[in-house]
């Protein structure tokens, strides 16, 4: 019996070591400072910025204000007011954007809004379409940089996308900001420096017209960005990371808004691991496509808190097994995996996170991990499958 348990523990530790090793590799390669790349060159393409918005009256002005100074004559900025029950459309129009209004209560979600916007461009299509969420701020030079890159490479381009915790936020949101930084900066930057593609992040994305006009957008997937990136990789056109320019947003202050947002992202991510990782990996192996294989492996890395929780559980079970049977092999293996995990996190924090997250708050990460256990349990008993917008601050 003890041999069977030891074997099962060994298999589980081997499986969990794969995403841990990948995370460590990405963190090691990304450890060198982020430097500004050379300025984008070549002709600037004609472009349209699409901003999908569902009840975003409180934040859409800031988004539009960050975009308008970056546009040139002939560029278009279109807000798709999707199933709005507030005055998003009127505010966006007054702020200087063109507005398309979509009403379809049966087909809800950002994917449907994007599909509606792209189809509206078909009569006079631009050379590049850029997608920015209505709660995001476009950093200086974002539009020009990713538009030129997409046009001249033919690849989908993903800018650096970060979420910030407000300065008066508690430690849990500061840790969440760090976890986001690992996911959206450290990991794709490591891959980028290895010449590998990245996942799409939902905002700060640029596509050639040929790419976006033929993409399957009309869906209510919880993580439509991940799905789109996987679909494009399978079609032989994986996204390219552009860390030199930034699009950013802030976590909601309200706990209900944060919880809705977190549940949608993490349940969607776990679902994608279960449904998309294996076909992507096997497809990449059959086609001898390194980009597909890399994205399949990257998709297999769970959210940072969940990965940490899995490592801790296996360490605890291995330790208990060692106490009961005297067999130290599984717990030594678990110690090795935990050490690799800690090394990856510390490398990421030291290079990119310590200005935003203090060492004291980082030490509280273990409480953050256990704090999220109900969210992961909910995946098995009451999984979120429908797109639900997060409440913004000040909303009832």
Protein backbone atom coordinates (compact mmCIF):
# COMPACT_ATOMS: atom_id res chain seq x y z
CA UNK A 1 0.00 0.00 0.00
CA UNK A 2 2.81 2.41 0.92
CA UNK A 3 4.49 1.67 -2.42
CA UNK A 4 1.29 2.58 -4.28
CA UNK A 5 0.93 5.84 -2.33
CA UNK A 6 4.60 6.69 -2.90
CA UNK A 7 4.18 6.04 -6.63
CA UNK A 8 1.09 8.26 -6.83
CA UNK A 9 2.88 11.03 -4.94
CA UNK A 10 5.86 10.74 -7.26
CA UNK A 11 3.63 10.99 -10.36
CA UNK A 12 1.79 14.00 -8.92
CA UNK A 13 5.07 15.74 -8.10
CA UNK A 14 6.45 15.08 -11.59
CA UNK A 15 3.29 16.57 -13.13
CA UNK A 16 3.35 19.67 -10.92
CA UNK A 17 7.08 20.14 -11.49
CA UNK A 18 6.47 20.81 -15.21
CA UNK A 19 4.66 24.16 -14.76
CA UNK A 20 7.00 25.04 -11.88
CA UNK A 21 10.07 24.48 -14.06
CA UNK A 22 8.54 26.47 -16.90
CA UNK A 23 7.75 29.34 -14.53
CA UNK A 24 11.33 29.25 -13.24
CA UNK A 25 12.74 29.27 -16.78
CA UNK A 26 10.61 32.28 -17.71
CA UNK A 27 11.58 34.11 -14.52
CA UNK A 28 15.28 33.45 -15.06
CA UNK A 29 15.26 34.64 -18.67
CA UNK A 30 13.16 37.69 -17.75
CA UNK A 31 15.39 38.60 -14.80
CA UNK A 32 17.54 41.00 -16.78
CA UNK A 33 16.13 44.56 -16.72
CA UNK A 34 13.46 45.51 -19.21
CA UNK A 35 14.99 47.88 -21.72
CA UNK A 36 13.31 50.08 -24.26
CA UNK A 37 13.43 48.62 -27.73
CA UNK A 38 14.29 50.45 -30.91
CA UNK A 39 11.60 52.82 -32.20
CA UNK A 40 9.04 51.24 -34.51
CA UNK A 41 9.93 51.85 -38.14
CA UNK A 42 8.25 51.52 -41.50
CA UNK A 43 5.03 53.04 -42.78
CA UNK A 44 2.33 53.65 -40.21
CA UNK A 45 -0.77 51.73 -41.33
CA UNK A 46 -4.32 52.99 -41.41
CA UNK A 47 -5.91 51.92 -38.14
CA UNK A 48 -9.06 51.76 -36.08
CA UNK A 49 -9.16 51.47 -32.30
CA UNK A 50 -12.11 49.41 -31.06
CA UNK A 51 -13.21 49.91 -27.46
CA UNK A 52 -15.80 47.36 -26.30
CA UNK A 53 -17.79 48.85 -23.42
CA UNK A 54 -20.58 47.50 -21.22
CA UNK A 55 -21.84 50.07 -18.68
CA UNK A 56 -18.51 51.87 -18.55
CA UNK A 57 -19.76 55.45 -18.10
CA UNK A 58 -17.51 55.96 -15.07
CA UNK A 59 -14.24 55.18 -16.84
CA UNK A 60 -14.63 55.48 -20.59
CA UNK A 61 -13.69 59.20 -20.65
CA UNK A 62 -10.25 58.46 -19.21
CA UNK A 63 -9.74 55.69 -21.76
CA UNK A 64 -10.74 57.91 -24.69
CA UNK A 65 -8.59 60.77 -23.36
CA UNK A 66 -5.54 58.48 -23.35
CA UNK A 67 -6.22 57.39 -26.94
CA UNK A 68 -7.17 60.57 -28.81
CA UNK A 69 -3.73 62.28 -28.58
CA UNK A 70 -2.18 59.16 -30.15
CA UNK A 71 -4.40 59.19 -33.25
CA UNK A 72 -3.57 60.82 -36.56
CA UNK A 73 -5.68 62.06 -39.45
CA UNK A 74 -7.58 59.11 -40.90
CA UNK A 75 -7.41 57.01 -37.72
CA UNK A 76 -10.73 56.04 -36.15
CA UNK A 77 -11.76 55.49 -32.53
CA UNK A 78 -14.95 53.48 -32.13
CA UNK A 79 -16.64 52.60 -28.85
CA UNK A 80 -19.00 49.61 -29.07
CA UNK A 81 -21.63 50.30 -26.41
CA UNK A 82 -22.72 46.72 -25.80
CA UNK A 83 -26.01 46.04 -23.99
CA UNK A 84 -25.55 49.20 -21.93
CA UNK A 85 -28.18 50.32 -19.44
CA UNK A 86 -26.31 53.52 -18.55
CA UNK A 87 -25.15 56.53 -20.58
CA UNK A 88 -21.86 55.03 -21.83
CA UNK A 89 -22.78 55.76 -25.45
CA UNK A 90 -23.62 59.44 -24.85
CA UNK A 91 -20.52 60.04 -22.75
CA UNK A 92 -18.23 58.35 -25.29
CA UNK A 93 -19.73 60.36 -28.14
CA UNK A 94 -19.28 63.61 -26.25
CA UNK A 95 -15.68 62.67 -25.41
CA UNK A 96 -14.82 62.42 -29.10
CA UNK A 97 -15.32 58.80 -30.11
CA UNK A 98 -17.61 57.35 -32.73
CA UNK A 99 -20.16 55.06 -31.07
CA UNK A 100 -21.82 51.85 -32.23
CA UNK A 101 -24.73 50.60 -30.11
CA UNK A 102 -25.35 46.88 -29.84
CA UNK A 103 -28.35 45.35 -28.08
CA UNK A 104 -28.68 41.58 -27.82
CA UNK A 105 -29.48 40.28 -24.35
CA UNK A 106 -29.21 36.65 -25.43
CA UNK A 107 -25.66 36.88 -26.73
CA UNK A 108 -23.68 38.60 -24.02
CA UNK A 109 -19.96 39.05 -23.63
CA UNK A 110 -17.00 40.94 -24.98
CA UNK A 111 -16.48 38.53 -27.87
CA UNK A 112 -19.87 39.40 -29.35
CA UNK A 113 -19.16 43.12 -28.98
CA UNK A 114 -15.84 42.76 -30.81
CA UNK A 115 -17.44 40.74 -33.58
CA UNK A 116 -20.09 43.46 -33.99
CA UNK A 117 -17.43 46.17 -34.18
CA UNK A 118 -15.22 44.30 -36.65
CA UNK A 119 -18.16 43.54 -38.96
CA UNK A 120 -19.08 47.23 -38.94
CA UNK A 121 -15.61 48.03 -40.35
CA UNK A 122 -15.92 45.67 -43.31
CA UNK A 123 -17.15 48.31 -45.78
CA UNK A 124 -14.04 50.45 -45.30
CA UNK A 125 -11.55 48.24 -43.43
CA UNK A 126 -8.37 49.65 -41.89
CA UNK A 127 -5.05 47.90 -42.28
CA UNK A 128 -4.80 47.33 -38.50
CA UNK A 129 -7.40 46.99 -35.75
CA UNK A 130 -6.40 47.75 -32.15
CA UNK A 131 -8.49 46.61 -29.19
CA UNK A 132 -8.45 48.52 -25.89
CA UNK A 133 -10.81 47.79 -23.00
CA UNK A 134 -13.00 50.65 -21.77
CA UNK A 135 -11.48 50.63 -18.27
CA UNK A 136 -7.86 50.89 -19.47
CA UNK A 137 -5.37 53.70 -19.97
CA UNK A 138 -3.18 53.54 -23.07
CA UNK A 139 0.41 54.47 -22.31
CA UNK A 140 2.41 56.92 -24.41
CA UNK A 141 3.30 55.57 -27.84
CA UNK A 142 1.14 52.46 -27.52
CA UNK A 143 -0.98 52.92 -30.66
CA UNK A 144 1.87 53.76 -33.01
CA UNK A 145 4.12 51.00 -31.74
CA UNK A 146 1.76 48.03 -31.86
CA UNK A 147 0.10 49.19 -35.09
CA UNK A 148 3.42 49.31 -36.94
CA UNK A 149 4.57 45.99 -35.47
CA UNK A 150 1.38 44.21 -36.45
CA UNK A 151 1.39 45.68 -39.95
CA UNK A 152 5.03 44.91 -40.74
CA UNK A 153 5.22 41.47 -39.09
CA UNK A 154 1.71 40.27 -39.96
CA UNK A 155 1.48 38.95 -36.41
CA UNK A 156 -1.05 39.73 -33.67
CA UNK A 157 0.70 42.03 -31.19
CA UNK A 158 0.15 42.08 -27.44
CA UNK A 159 1.36 45.11 -25.48
CA UNK A 160 2.29 44.87 -21.82
CA UNK A 161 -0.98 44.85 -19.86
CA UNK A 162 -0.86 45.44 -16.12
CA UNK A 163 -3.43 45.92 -13.37
CA UNK A 164 -2.60 48.17 -10.44
CA UNK A 165 -3.85 48.17 -6.89
CA UNK A 166 -4.67 51.64 -5.58
CA UNK A 167 -2.18 53.03 -3.09
CA UNK A 168 -4.58 52.65 -0.16
CA UNK A 169 -5.40 49.05 -1.04
CA UNK A 170 -4.82 46.27 1.48
CA UNK A 171 -2.06 43.66 1.20
CA UNK A 172 -4.28 41.11 -0.58
CA UNK A 173 -4.78 43.43 -3.56
CA UNK A 174 -1.07 44.29 -3.56
CA UNK A 175 -0.29 40.57 -3.76
CA UNK A 176 -2.88 40.20 -6.53
CA UNK A 177 -1.10 42.98 -8.42
CA UNK A 178 2.17 41.08 -8.09
CA UNK A 179 0.56 37.84 -9.30
CA UNK A 180 -0.77 39.76 -12.32
CA UNK A 181 2.70 41.16 -12.97
CA UNK A 182 4.18 37.65 -12.97
CA UNK A 183 1.51 36.47 -15.39
CA UNK A 184 1.54 39.42 -17.80
CA UNK A 185 5.14 40.66 -17.63
CA UNK A 186 7.58 38.08 -16.28
CA UNK A 187 6.25 35.02 -18.08
CA UNK A 188 5.65 36.53 -21.55
CA UNK A 189 8.90 38.51 -21.33
CA UNK A 190 10.83 35.31 -20.66
CA UNK A 191 9.22 33.68 -23.66
CA UNK A 192 9.76 36.78 -25.80
CA UNK A 193 13.47 36.75 -25.12
CA UNK A 194 13.54 33.10 -26.15
CA UNK A 195 11.84 33.98 -29.44
CA UNK A 196 8.55 32.38 -28.42
CA UNK A 197 4.97 33.72 -28.70
CA UNK A 198 2.74 34.95 -25.89
CA UNK A 199 -0.88 34.63 -24.79
CA UNK A 200 -3.32 37.40 -25.63
CA UNK A 201 -4.35 39.46 -22.60
CA UNK A 202 -7.60 41.02 -23.77
CA UNK A 203 -6.50 44.65 -24.15
CA UNK A 204 -3.62 46.43 -25.84
CA UNK A 205 -3.88 44.06 -28.82
CA UNK A 206 -3.25 44.85 -32.50
CA UNK A 207 -4.28 42.73 -35.49
CA UNK A 208 -3.94 43.04 -39.23
CA UNK A 209 -7.31 43.30 -40.95
CA UNK A 210 -6.85 39.91 -42.61
CA UNK A 211 -6.29 38.32 -39.21
CA UNK A 212 -9.08 39.94 -37.20
CA UNK A 213 -11.70 39.84 -39.96
CA UNK A 214 -11.44 36.06 -40.25
CA UNK A 215 -11.06 35.30 -36.51
CA UNK A 216 -13.83 33.59 -34.56
CA UNK A 217 -14.83 36.36 -32.16
CA UNK A 218 -18.56 35.86 -31.52
CA UNK A 219 -18.54 33.84 -28.32
CA UNK A 220 -19.26 34.34 -24.65
CA UNK A 221 -16.10 32.62 -23.39
CA UNK A 222 -15.02 33.85 -19.95
CA UNK A 223 -11.47 34.38 -21.25
CA UNK A 224 -12.12 35.21 -24.89
CA UNK A 225 -8.59 36.62 -25.18
CA UNK A 226 -6.97 33.30 -24.28
CA UNK A 227 -9.23 31.46 -26.71
CA UNK A 228 -8.49 33.86 -29.53
CA UNK A 229 -4.75 33.51 -28.95
CA UNK A 230 -5.02 29.73 -29.03
CA UNK A 231 -7.09 29.83 -32.23
CA UNK A 232 -4.56 32.09 -33.93
CA UNK A 233 -1.67 29.88 -32.84
CA UNK A 234 -3.41 26.82 -34.30
CA UNK A 235 -3.85 28.77 -37.54
CA UNK A 236 -0.11 29.41 -37.66
CA UNK A 237 -0.14 33.05 -36.53
CA UNK A 238 0.72 33.16 -32.80
CA UNK A 239 0.80 36.50 -30.95
CA UNK A 240 4.00 38.48 -30.44
CA UNK A 241 4.74 40.26 -27.15
CA UNK A 242 5.63 43.97 -27.14
CA UNK A 243 6.85 44.85 -23.63
CA UNK A 244 8.00 48.37 -24.53
CA UNK A 245 4.52 49.93 -24.36
CA UNK A 246 1.89 49.67 -21.64
CA UNK A 247 -1.86 49.54 -21.20
CA UNK A 248 -3.01 49.60 -17.59
CA UNK A 249 -6.08 49.51 -15.38
CA UNK A 250 -6.85 49.29 -11.66
CA UNK A 251 -8.44 46.62 -9.52
CA UNK A 252 -11.91 47.54 -8.24
CA UNK A 253 -11.87 48.75 -4.63
CA UNK A 254 -15.14 46.95 -3.88
CA UNK A 255 -14.78 43.35 -2.77
CA UNK A 256 -17.77 42.25 -4.87
CA UNK A 257 -16.23 43.72 -8.02
CA UNK A 258 -12.88 42.13 -7.29
CA UNK A 259 -14.46 38.75 -6.56
CA UNK A 260 -16.49 38.74 -9.78
CA UNK A 261 -13.44 39.72 -11.80
CA UNK A 262 -11.20 37.13 -10.16
CA UNK A 263 -13.76 34.33 -10.52
CA UNK A 264 -14.25 35.03 -14.22
CA UNK A 265 -10.54 35.07 -14.97
CA UNK A 266 -9.50 32.07 -12.93
CA UNK A 267 -12.45 29.79 -13.70
CA UNK A 268 -12.01 30.66 -17.36
CA UNK A 269 -8.27 29.94 -17.20
CA UNK A 270 -8.73 26.58 -15.49
CA UNK A 271 -11.40 25.62 -18.03
CA UNK A 272 -9.02 26.50 -20.86
CA UNK A 273 -6.30 24.31 -19.32
CA UNK A 274 -8.70 21.37 -19.24
CA UNK A 275 -10.07 21.86 -22.75
CA UNK A 276 -7.35 23.50 -24.84
CA UNK A 277 -3.92 22.56 -23.48
CA UNK A 278 -3.80 18.95 -24.66
CA UNK A 279 -5.00 19.58 -28.24
CA UNK A 280 -2.61 22.52 -28.53
CA UNK A 281 0.34 20.48 -27.31
CA UNK A 282 -0.44 17.43 -29.43
CA UNK A 283 -1.16 19.61 -32.45
CA UNK A 284 2.16 21.36 -32.01
CA UNK A 285 3.99 18.05 -31.74
CA UNK A 286 2.31 16.68 -34.86
CA UNK A 287 3.13 19.82 -36.82
CA UNK A 288 6.56 20.23 -35.23
CA UNK A 289 5.46 23.74 -34.36
CA UNK A 290 7.54 25.15 -31.51
CA UNK A 291 5.21 28.13 -31.03
CA UNK A 292 2.15 25.92 -30.50
CA UNK A 293 4.04 23.67 -28.10
CA UNK A 294 5.33 26.68 -26.15
CA UNK A 295 1.83 28.19 -25.84
CA UNK A 296 0.40 24.80 -24.84
CA UNK A 297 2.97 24.47 -22.06
CA UNK A 298 2.42 28.08 -20.99
CA UNK A 299 -1.33 27.48 -20.83
CA UNK A 300 -0.68 24.56 -18.47
CA UNK A 301 0.76 26.92 -15.84
CA UNK A 302 -2.18 27.54 -13.46
CA UNK A 303 -2.81 30.91 -11.79
CA UNK A 304 0.08 31.62 -9.42
CA UNK A 305 -1.96 31.17 -6.24
CA UNK A 306 -3.37 27.85 -7.44
CA UNK A 307 0.05 26.56 -8.46
CA UNK A 308 1.45 27.55 -5.06
CA UNK A 309 -1.47 25.86 -3.31
CA UNK A 310 -0.93 22.62 -5.26
CA UNK A 311 2.78 22.60 -4.35
CA UNK A 312 1.96 23.21 -0.66
CA UNK A 313 -0.64 20.44 -0.58
CA UNK A 314 1.74 17.93 -2.13
CA UNK A 315 4.46 18.98 0.30
CA UNK A 316 2.10 18.49 3.27
CA UNK A 317 0.89 15.09 2.03
CA UNK A 318 4.47 13.97 1.35
CA UNK A 319 5.52 15.10 4.82
CA UNK A 320 2.67 13.16 6.43
CA UNK A 321 3.59 10.11 4.35
CA UNK A 322 7.20 10.39 5.57
CA UNK A 323 6.06 10.56 9.21
CA UNK A 324 3.82 7.49 8.85
CA UNK A 325 6.08 5.29 6.71
CA UNK A 326 9.59 6.67 7.17
CA UNK A 327 9.94 6.98 3.37
CA UNK A 328 11.62 10.35 2.76
CA UNK A 329 11.86 10.21 -1.04
CA UNK A 330 8.51 11.92 -1.81
CA UNK A 331 9.01 14.69 0.74
CA UNK A 332 12.55 15.37 -0.52
CA UNK A 333 11.18 15.62 -4.04
CA UNK A 334 8.45 17.94 -2.76
CA UNK A 335 11.10 20.11 -1.05
CA UNK A 336 12.92 20.40 -4.36
CA UNK A 337 9.77 21.44 -6.21
CA UNK A 338 8.91 23.95 -3.50
CA UNK A 339 12.42 25.38 -3.65
CA UNK A 340 12.14 25.86 -7.40
CA UNK A 341 8.76 27.55 -6.96
CA UNK A 342 10.09 29.92 -4.30
CA UNK A 343 13.11 30.74 -6.47
CA UNK A 344 10.87 31.66 -9.43
CA UNK A 345 8.70 33.90 -7.24
CA UNK A 346 11.66 35.60 -5.58
CA UNK A 347 13.41 36.27 -8.89
CA UNK A 348 10.22 37.86 -10.21
CA UNK A 349 9.70 39.92 -7.08
CA UNK A 350 13.30 41.10 -6.83
CA UNK A 351 13.49 42.32 -10.41
CA UNK A 352 9.96 43.61 -11.06
CA UNK A 353 7.81 43.53 -7.93
CA UNK A 354 9.61 44.99 -4.95
CA UNK A 355 8.82 48.59 -5.85
CA UNK A 356 5.10 47.82 -5.58
CA UNK A 357 5.04 45.00 -3.03
CA UNK A 358 6.99 45.17 0.22
CA UNK A 359 8.82 42.16 1.61
CA UNK A 360 6.37 42.14 4.54
CA UNK A 361 3.40 41.95 2.18
CA UNK A 362 5.13 39.28 0.10
CA UNK A 363 5.49 37.20 3.25
CA UNK A 364 1.70 37.31 3.57
CA UNK A 365 1.30 35.57 0.20
CA UNK A 366 0.65 32.24 1.89
CA UNK A 367 -2.48 33.74 3.49
CA UNK A 368 -3.50 35.02 0.06
CA UNK A 369 -3.18 31.50 -1.32
CA UNK A 370 -5.42 29.98 1.37
CA UNK A 371 -7.81 32.94 1.07
CA UNK A 372 -8.47 31.86 -2.52
CA UNK A 373 -9.33 28.24 -1.70
CA UNK A 374 -13.13 28.89 -1.81
CA UNK A 375 -12.77 30.29 -5.34
CA UNK A 376 -11.07 27.09 -6.52
CA UNK A 377 -13.54 24.84 -4.73
CA UNK A 378 -16.34 26.78 -6.40
CA UNK A 379 -14.93 25.70 -9.76
CA UNK A 380 -15.97 22.12 -9.00
CA UNK A 381 -19.31 22.78 -7.32
CA UNK A 382 -20.59 25.98 -8.95
CA UNK A 383 -18.36 26.82 -11.89
CA UNK A 384 -18.89 30.20 -13.56
CA UNK A 385 -19.66 29.59 -17.22
CA UNK A 386 -21.37 32.83 -18.29
CA UNK A 387 -19.68 36.19 -18.82
CA UNK A 388 -20.47 38.61 -15.98
CA UNK A 389 -19.12 42.16 -15.89
CA UNK A 390 -17.31 43.19 -12.71
CA UNK A 391 -18.87 45.99 -10.72
CA UNK A 392 -16.94 49.22 -10.89
CA UNK A 393 -16.25 51.36 -7.85
CA UNK A 394 -19.26 53.41 -6.80
CA UNK A 395 -21.80 51.08 -8.41
CA UNK A 396 -24.53 49.46 -6.36
